Amino acid sequence: MQVILKMRMEALRVFSVGILVWWVLGVGATEVIGLPSCHFPAIYNFGDSNSDTGGMSAAFYQMVWPFGESFFHEAAGRSSDGRLMVDFIAEHLKLPYLNAYLDSIGGKFGVSFRQGANFATGGATILRPNKTVFESGVSPFYLDVQIAHFDQFKARTNSLYNHAKLASRRRKLPRPEDFSKALYMLDIGQNDISSGLSKPVEELQAAYIPELVNKLSAAVQHLYEQGGRTFWIHNTGPFGCMPVSILYAPNPPGTLDNCGCLKYSNGIAMEFNKQLKKAVIKLRADLPHASLTYVDIYAAKYELIRDAKKQGFIEPPEKCCGKRVNGVDVHCGEKANVNDSEVYGDSCKNPSSYISWDGVHYTEAANHWFANRIIKGSMSDNSLSIAQACHMSQGSS
């Protein structure tokens, strides 16, 4: 009888532990037990076209149709047919979509920076570019400039807020006390690594990538000195899986992996991510009052590319918008003359079935899939969901 009772108690213990593990780590888990939501009053974002919500479009040439067709039903400054990950993150945190710092007019509802600002621009790099945007397509608003924009934004909005006599004049300005409570997001580095692929691998590993990581770390430290306390840092994605990389690069036997992605390009991306993760762990020790989350966006993106058909998407490297006709690339939303005929780079009939929007950027459907993978904490090195990111953690080593 005692043996049977003991067996039942052990079975109950195992069952209870199993339920607890499922609750914390299961697919449906949304919160780490015992940690409340942070209720961020604002988001400040820094990055490239993966999170640019209108900066580059405002600064140079306005984006054209069919960009934005699936959700905004007009070109909305985003390199996609609809929303980006940063948009889905804002929705999840019950915050409005971020207005671009460089956009003084905004969309249909005007500009408000009360709950954050977006300093990201398409084509942005960590390092200072050595060519103009017209020569290379690389943004002049590299990371140091984005940080300088933030410094100016904070100083000017604080001054305007404190000197405003009417509440109506304060309504669209951030409250000074909210800067320390805000979420600071960084997603940048892909353009640097892409442009550095021609360098010898030894130089990439020993000098170039460490310089990128050190610059990114310095940006986080500066934001910390400016009062930032919660940082959500994306690593870089598998750009060796981009259609533009696969379709137009020479691919001799052995250069592609089982998913049809370029091994070498992805290998360099993974080296950057490895060094970035070490840097985030060091920052946790150096910035005692900060909460830093390293987010493995590479794993999320590669997972979808690998399981595209299973997840209901057309298998890569197909893209939705733009085409190649007789060796001529007709980019998304643009026109080109091919054999004396005008060809338009239009979009596909169903963008939601594609992962890649234009060969470089992702569709809204893919961005939504990625966002769902990261906001719950399954891609965080400290297991925190984005709503809990303000809680300090030692993270993984």
Protein backbone atom coordinates (compact mmCIF):
# COMPACT_ATOMS: atom_id res chain seq x y z
CA MET A 1 0.00 0.00 0.00
CA GLN A 2 2.81 2.39 0.92
CA VAL A 3 4.59 1.52 -2.34
CA ILE A 4 1.45 2.32 -4.37
CA LEU A 5 0.94 5.61 -2.47
CA LYS A 6 4.57 6.55 -3.06
CA MET A 7 4.22 5.79 -6.78
CA ARG A 8 1.10 7.93 -7.01
CA MET A 9 2.80 10.84 -5.22
CA GLU A 10 5.79 10.60 -7.58
CA ALA A 11 3.51 10.50 -10.61
CA LEU A 12 1.69 13.57 -9.30
CA ARG A 13 5.02 15.37 -8.77
CA VAL A 14 6.20 14.58 -12.28
CA PHE A 15 2.84 15.65 -13.73
CA SER A 16 2.92 18.93 -11.79
CA VAL A 17 6.46 19.72 -12.88
CA GLY A 18 5.52 18.90 -16.46
CA ILE A 19 2.57 21.29 -16.34
CA LEU A 20 4.81 24.03 -14.87
CA VAL A 21 7.43 23.55 -17.58
CA TRP A 22 4.73 23.61 -20.27
CA TRP A 23 3.30 26.80 -18.77
CA VAL A 24 6.64 28.59 -18.78
CA LEU A 25 8.14 27.26 -22.00
CA GLY A 26 5.18 26.14 -24.07
CA VAL A 27 4.08 27.66 -27.33
CA GLY A 28 1.19 29.44 -25.66
CA ALA A 29 3.29 31.00 -22.88
CA THR A 30 3.24 34.79 -22.90
CA GLU A 31 4.78 35.77 -19.57
CA VAL A 32 7.47 34.55 -17.22
CA ILE A 33 5.78 33.58 -13.98
CA GLY A 34 5.89 36.25 -11.30
CA LEU A 35 6.96 39.13 -13.52
CA PRO A 36 4.43 41.88 -14.23
CA SER A 37 4.17 43.80 -17.46
CA CYS A 38 6.37 46.90 -17.74
CA HIS A 39 3.75 49.18 -19.33
CA PHE A 40 6.22 51.09 -21.46
CA PRO A 41 5.05 54.66 -22.13
CA ALA A 42 7.15 54.96 -25.31
CA ILE A 43 9.44 53.20 -27.79
CA TYR A 44 12.63 54.68 -29.26
CA ASN A 45 13.90 52.69 -32.22
CA PHE A 46 17.24 52.71 -34.05
CA GLY A 47 18.00 50.68 -37.15
CA ASP A 48 17.76 50.20 -40.90
CA SER A 49 15.01 49.28 -43.37
CA ASN A 50 13.93 46.37 -41.19
CA SER A 51 12.32 48.96 -38.89
CA ASP A 52 12.23 52.25 -40.83
CA THR A 53 8.66 53.60 -40.70
CA GLY A 54 9.20 56.57 -42.98
CA GLY A 55 12.53 58.24 -42.25
CA MET A 56 14.27 57.55 -45.54
CA SER A 57 11.08 58.23 -47.51
CA ALA A 58 10.75 61.64 -45.84
CA ALA A 59 14.41 62.56 -46.26
CA PHE A 60 14.83 61.61 -49.92
CA TYR A 61 12.36 60.09 -52.37
CA GLN A 62 8.87 59.15 -51.25
CA MET A 63 8.11 55.46 -51.42
CA VAL A 64 5.70 54.45 -54.19
CA TRP A 65 2.94 51.94 -54.78
CA PRO A 66 2.66 48.95 -54.33
CA PHE A 67 4.62 49.40 -51.07
CA GLY A 68 2.07 49.47 -48.25
CA GLU A 69 -0.72 47.93 -50.33
CA SER A 70 -1.75 45.15 -47.94
CA PHE A 71 -2.42 47.19 -44.80
CA PHE A 72 -2.01 50.94 -45.23
CA HIS A 73 -3.41 50.85 -48.79
CA GLU A 74 -0.85 53.48 -49.72
CA ALA A 75 2.92 53.82 -49.58
CA ALA A 76 3.61 54.38 -45.87
CA GLY A 77 7.40 54.74 -45.79
CA ARG A 78 7.96 51.06 -45.05
CA SER A 79 9.94 48.59 -47.17
CA SER A 80 7.12 46.07 -47.24
CA ASP A 81 3.57 45.59 -48.43
CA GLY A 82 2.40 46.45 -44.92
CA ARG A 83 3.53 46.45 -41.33
CA LEU A 84 7.01 45.74 -40.01
CA MET A 85 8.01 43.91 -36.84
CA VAL A 86 8.28 47.23 -35.00
CA ASP A 87 4.64 47.92 -35.89
CA PHE A 88 3.48 44.60 -34.49
CA ILE A 89 5.57 45.18 -31.36
CA ALA A 90 3.89 48.58 -30.89
CA GLU A 91 0.48 46.95 -31.30
CA HIS A 92 1.38 44.29 -28.73
CA LEU A 93 2.47 46.93 -26.23
CA LYS A 94 -0.72 48.93 -26.94
CA LEU A 95 1.25 51.85 -28.33
CA PRO A 96 0.68 53.76 -31.60
CA TYR A 97 2.84 53.14 -34.65
CA LEU A 98 6.09 55.04 -34.41
CA ASN A 99 6.45 58.25 -36.38
CA ALA A 100 9.78 58.73 -38.08
CA TYR A 101 11.87 61.46 -36.47
CA LEU A 102 12.72 62.81 -39.93
CA ASP A 103 9.07 63.06 -40.98
CA SER A 104 7.64 66.41 -39.92
CA ILE A 105 4.25 65.80 -41.53
CA GLY A 106 3.40 62.17 -40.85
CA GLY A 107 0.52 60.15 -42.24
CA LYS A 108 -3.23 60.58 -42.13
CA PHE A 109 -3.28 61.37 -38.41
CA GLY A 110 -0.36 63.80 -38.27
CA VAL A 111 2.73 63.53 -36.13
CA SER A 112 2.88 62.83 -32.41
CA PHE A 113 6.01 61.90 -30.52
CA ARG A 114 4.28 61.51 -27.17
CA GLN A 115 4.81 57.75 -27.12
CA GLY A 116 8.10 57.43 -28.96
CA ALA A 117 10.01 58.16 -32.13
CA ASN A 118 11.73 56.15 -34.83
CA PHE A 119 15.28 57.13 -35.80
CA ALA A 120 15.82 54.18 -38.16
CA THR A 121 16.37 54.77 -41.87
CA GLY A 122 16.50 52.33 -44.75
CA GLY A 123 20.06 51.50 -45.81
CA ALA A 124 21.51 52.61 -42.46
CA THR A 125 24.79 51.19 -41.19
CA ILE A 126 26.62 51.04 -37.90
CA LEU A 127 29.80 52.50 -39.38
CA ARG A 128 30.03 55.80 -41.19
CA PRO A 129 29.48 55.20 -44.94
CA ASN A 130 32.22 56.23 -47.35
CA LYS A 131 29.87 56.80 -50.29
CA THR A 132 26.80 58.94 -50.77
CA VAL A 133 23.28 57.53 -50.82
CA PHE A 134 23.09 58.28 -54.54
CA GLU A 135 26.20 56.20 -55.23
CA SER A 136 25.53 53.21 -53.03
CA GLY A 137 22.00 53.42 -51.63
CA VAL A 138 23.48 53.50 -48.12
CA SER A 139 21.81 55.94 -45.75
CA PRO A 140 23.76 58.96 -44.50
CA PHE A 141 21.90 58.52 -41.22
CA TYR A 142 24.19 55.86 -39.79
CA LEU A 143 24.00 54.82 -36.13
CA ASP A 144 26.03 57.72 -34.67
CA VAL A 145 23.78 60.20 -36.52
CA GLN A 146 20.66 58.42 -35.26
CA ILE A 147 22.00 58.70 -31.71
CA ALA A 148 22.75 62.40 -32.27
CA HIS A 149 19.19 62.84 -33.53
CA PHE A 150 17.92 61.24 -30.34
CA ASP A 151 20.05 63.54 -28.18
CA GLN A 152 18.66 66.57 -29.98
CA PHE A 153 15.12 65.18 -29.85
CA LYS A 154 15.32 64.62 -26.10
CA ALA A 155 16.85 68.04 -25.34
CA ARG A 156 14.42 69.97 -27.53
CA THR A 157 11.25 68.14 -26.47
CA ASN A 158 12.19 68.47 -22.79
CA SER A 159 12.67 72.20 -23.24
CA LEU A 160 9.43 72.63 -25.18
CA TYR A 161 7.49 70.53 -22.66
CA ASN A 162 8.83 72.42 -19.65
CA HIS A 163 8.18 75.84 -21.20
CA ALA A 164 4.73 75.06 -22.60
CA LYS A 165 2.00 76.91 -20.71
CA LEU A 166 -0.93 75.11 -22.30
CA ALA A 167 -1.69 71.40 -21.90
CA SER A 168 -2.64 71.22 -25.57
CA ARG A 169 0.94 72.10 -26.52
CA ARG A 170 2.34 69.32 -24.37
CA ARG A 171 -0.02 66.65 -25.68
CA LYS A 172 2.16 65.55 -28.61
CA LEU A 173 5.46 65.82 -26.73
CA PRO A 174 7.01 63.07 -24.59
CA ARG A 175 6.93 63.60 -20.85
CA PRO A 176 10.53 64.11 -19.60
CA GLU A 177 10.13 61.36 -17.00
CA ASP A 178 9.13 58.83 -19.68
CA PHE A 179 12.59 58.64 -21.26
CA SER A 180 13.88 56.45 -18.42
CA LYS A 181 10.78 54.23 -18.58
CA ALA A 182 10.77 53.75 -22.36
CA LEU A 183 11.79 50.73 -24.42
CA TYR A 184 14.91 51.27 -26.55
CA MET A 185 15.11 48.98 -29.58
CA LEU A 186 18.10 48.40 -31.89
CA ASP A 187 18.10 46.38 -35.12
CA ILE A 188 21.09 47.31 -37.28
CA GLY A 189 24.23 45.80 -38.78
CA GLN A 190 22.95 43.88 -41.79
CA ASN A 191 24.12 46.48 -44.30
CA ASP A 192 27.58 46.67 -42.73
CA ILE A 193 28.05 42.92 -42.93
CA SER A 194 26.71 42.74 -46.48
CA SER A 195 29.16 45.41 -47.65
CA GLY A 196 32.01 43.72 -45.79
CA LEU A 197 31.64 40.30 -47.40
CA SER A 198 34.43 41.06 -49.87
CA LYS A 199 36.94 41.41 -47.05
CA PRO A 200 39.18 38.46 -46.10
CA VAL A 201 37.50 36.26 -43.51
CA GLU A 202 40.39 36.76 -41.07
CA GLU A 203 39.90 40.55 -41.21
CA LEU A 204 36.16 40.18 -40.78
CA GLN A 205 36.49 38.09 -37.64
CA ALA A 206 39.44 39.86 -36.03
CA ALA A 207 38.84 43.52 -36.90
CA TYR A 208 35.74 44.44 -38.89
CA ILE A 209 33.06 42.63 -36.87
CA PRO A 210 34.59 43.64 -33.50
CA GLU A 211 34.50 47.27 -34.69
CA LEU A 212 30.80 46.94 -35.55
CA VAL A 213 29.99 45.36 -32.20
CA ASN A 214 32.02 47.94 -30.26
CA LYS A 215 30.21 50.78 -32.04
CA LEU A 216 26.85 49.21 -31.27
CA SER A 217 27.84 48.73 -27.63
CA ALA A 218 28.97 52.36 -27.42
CA ALA A 219 25.56 53.47 -28.71
CA VAL A 220 23.81 51.48 -25.98
CA GLN A 221 26.14 52.93 -23.35
CA HIS A 222 25.41 56.46 -24.59
CA LEU A 223 21.65 55.88 -24.44
CA TYR A 224 22.13 54.54 -20.93
CA GLU A 225 23.94 57.74 -19.96
CA GLN A 226 21.01 59.67 -21.42
CA GLY A 227 18.66 57.83 -19.07
CA GLY A 228 17.68 54.76 -21.09
CA ARG A 229 17.27 51.64 -18.97
CA THR A 230 15.52 48.97 -21.07
CA PHE A 231 17.15 47.72 -24.27
CA TRP A 232 15.78 45.18 -26.76
CA ILE A 233 18.61 44.29 -29.17
CA HIS A 234 18.07 42.23 -32.32
CA ASN A 235 20.93 40.30 -33.87
CA THR A 236 21.19 40.25 -37.66
CA GLY A 237 19.20 37.95 -39.94
CA PRO A 238 20.27 35.27 -42.44
CA PHE A 239 20.85 37.56 -45.41
CA GLY A 240 22.40 34.61 -47.23
CA CYS A 241 18.79 33.47 -47.62
CA MET A 242 17.59 36.64 -49.35
CA PRO A 243 16.44 36.11 -52.93
CA VAL A 244 18.71 38.95 -54.04
CA SER A 245 21.66 37.02 -52.61
CA ILE A 246 20.68 33.59 -53.90
CA LEU A 247 19.40 34.43 -57.36
CA TYR A 248 22.11 36.82 -58.49
CA ALA A 249 25.26 35.53 -56.78
CA PRO A 250 27.45 32.83 -58.39
CA ASN A 251 26.65 29.59 -56.60
CA PRO A 252 29.14 26.83 -57.42
CA PRO A 253 28.47 23.40 -55.89
CA GLY A 254 28.74 23.37 -52.10
CA THR A 255 27.95 27.04 -51.52
CA LEU A 256 24.32 26.49 -50.54
CA ASP A 257 22.95 24.83 -47.41
CA ASN A 258 19.94 22.52 -47.18
CA CYS A 259 17.59 25.52 -47.32
CA GLY A 260 19.21 26.88 -50.45
CA CYS A 261 20.92 29.74 -48.57
CA LEU A 262 24.50 30.94 -49.05
CA LYS A 263 26.61 29.28 -46.38
CA TYR A 264 29.38 31.87 -46.36
CA SER A 265 27.10 34.90 -46.01
CA ASN A 266 25.12 33.30 -43.22
CA GLY A 267 28.33 32.20 -41.55
CA ILE A 268 29.52 35.81 -41.34
CA ALA A 269 26.12 36.86 -39.98
CA MET A 270 26.39 34.18 -37.29
CA GLU A 271 29.88 35.36 -36.35
CA PHE A 272 28.54 38.89 -35.90
CA ASN A 273 25.69 37.52 -33.78
CA LYS A 274 28.09 35.50 -31.64
CA GLN A 275 30.22 38.56 -30.89
CA LEU A 276 27.15 40.74 -30.34
CA LYS A 277 25.74 38.32 -27.77
CA LYS A 278 29.02 38.40 -25.83
CA ALA A 279 28.92 42.20 -25.94
CA VAL A 280 25.36 42.27 -24.54
CA ILE A 281 26.43 40.00 -21.68
CA LYS A 282 29.33 42.37 -20.94
CA LEU A 283 27.01 45.37 -21.06
CA ARG A 284 24.89 43.76 -18.36
CA ALA A 285 27.90 43.86 -16.08
CA ASP A 286 28.95 47.37 -17.13
CA LEU A 287 25.49 48.96 -16.88
CA PRO A 288 24.16 47.88 -13.48
CA HIS A 289 20.77 49.61 -13.73
CA ALA A 290 19.97 48.47 -17.26
CA SER A 291 17.91 45.56 -18.50
CA LEU A 292 19.25 44.22 -21.80
CA THR A 293 17.64 41.53 -23.93
CA TYR A 294 19.48 39.91 -26.83
CA VAL A 295 16.93 38.69 -29.39
CA ASP A 296 17.84 35.92 -31.83
CA ILE A 297 15.98 37.22 -34.86
CA TYR A 298 18.32 35.16 -37.05
CA ALA A 299 16.84 31.95 -35.63
CA ALA A 300 13.26 33.19 -36.10
CA LYS A 301 13.83 34.16 -39.73
CA TYR A 302 15.76 31.02 -40.61
CA GLU A 303 13.06 28.87 -39.01
CA LEU A 304 10.39 30.35 -41.26
CA ILE A 305 12.56 30.05 -44.37
CA ARG A 306 13.31 26.41 -43.53
CA ASP A 307 9.66 25.57 -42.78
CA ALA A 308 8.06 27.88 -45.36
CA LYS A 309 5.75 25.29 -46.92
CA LYS A 310 4.75 23.88 -43.53
CA GLN A 311 3.86 27.41 -42.35
CA GLY A 312 1.75 28.09 -45.44
CA PHE A 313 4.23 30.18 -47.44
CA ILE A 314 5.65 29.75 -50.92
CA GLU A 315 9.13 28.32 -50.61
CA PRO A 316 12.06 30.75 -51.10
CA PRO A 317 13.77 32.21 -53.02
CA GLU A 318 10.60 33.46 -54.72
CA LYS A 319 9.68 37.12 -54.11
CA CYS A 320 6.38 38.93 -54.45
CA CYS A 321 7.24 42.30 -55.97
CA GLY A 322 9.54 43.11 -58.90
CA LYS A 323 10.77 40.84 -61.67
CA ARG A 324 13.72 39.94 -63.86
CA VAL A 325 13.04 40.11 -67.62
CA ASN A 326 15.69 39.06 -70.14
CA GLY A 327 18.46 39.73 -67.66
CA VAL A 328 17.09 43.14 -66.64
CA ASP A 329 16.00 43.73 -63.04
CA VAL A 330 12.75 45.66 -62.78
CA HIS A 331 12.58 46.65 -59.12
CA CYS A 332 9.40 46.74 -57.08
CA GLY A 333 7.25 49.73 -58.03
CA GLU A 334 9.60 50.86 -60.79
CA LYS A 335 9.52 50.79 -64.57
CA ALA A 336 12.24 49.73 -67.00
CA ASN A 337 12.70 49.52 -70.73
CA VAL A 338 13.27 45.94 -71.84
CA ASN A 339 13.68 45.30 -75.59
CA ASP A 340 11.93 48.59 -76.39
CA SER A 341 8.99 47.69 -74.17
CA GLU A 342 8.10 49.31 -70.84
CA VAL A 343 7.95 46.75 -68.04
CA TYR A 344 6.51 47.49 -64.60
CA GLY A 345 7.75 45.80 -61.43
CA ASP A 346 4.36 45.03 -59.97
CA SER A 347 3.42 42.87 -57.01
CA CYS A 348 2.00 39.37 -56.81
CA LYS A 349 -1.70 38.63 -56.32
CA ASN A 350 -1.32 37.31 -52.78
CA PRO A 351 1.59 38.89 -50.83
CA SER A 352 0.60 37.04 -47.66
CA SER A 353 1.75 33.77 -49.20
CA TYR A 354 5.31 35.05 -49.74
CA ILE A 355 8.15 35.49 -47.24
CA SER A 356 10.13 37.97 -49.34
CA TRP A 357 8.45 41.15 -50.51
CA ASP A 358 11.01 42.55 -52.97
CA GLY A 359 14.00 40.22 -52.75
CA VAL A 360 15.56 42.13 -49.83
CA HIS A 361 12.73 42.92 -47.42
CA TYR A 362 9.98 40.81 -45.90
CA THR A 363 6.23 40.81 -46.45
CA GLU A 364 3.84 41.89 -43.74
CA ALA A 365 2.83 38.25 -43.27
CA ALA A 366 6.44 37.22 -42.63
CA ASN A 367 7.02 40.19 -40.31
CA HIS A 368 3.92 39.20 -38.36
CA TRP A 369 5.21 35.64 -38.05
CA PHE A 370 8.61 36.88 -36.81
CA ALA A 371 6.98 39.26 -34.33
CA ASN A 372 4.86 36.47 -32.88
CA ARG A 373 8.02 34.43 -32.34
CA ILE A 374 9.94 37.14 -30.50
CA ILE A 375 7.40 39.07 -28.40
CA LYS A 376 6.70 36.11 -26.11
CA GLY A 377 10.36 35.67 -25.20
CA SER A 378 11.09 32.43 -27.03
CA MET A 379 13.95 34.15 -28.89
CA SER A 380 15.25 36.15 -25.91
CA ASP A 381 18.48 35.04 -24.27
CA ASN A 382 16.96 35.82 -20.86
CA SER A 383 13.52 34.30 -21.67
CA LEU A 384 11.79 37.64 -21.06
CA SER A 385 8.85 38.61 -23.21
CA ILE A 386 8.99 42.10 -24.67
CA ALA A 387 6.30 43.25 -22.23
CA GLN A 388 8.59 42.17 -19.35
CA ALA A 389 11.85 43.49 -20.83
CA CYS A 390 12.33 46.12 -18.08
CA HIS A 391 13.11 43.42 -15.52
CA MET A 392 16.82 42.95 -15.01
CA SER A 393 18.28 39.51 -15.69
CA GLN A 394 21.74 38.04 -15.90
CA GLY A 395 20.67 36.24 -19.07
CA SER A 396 22.48 33.29 -20.58
CA SER A 397 26.17 32.97 -21.05
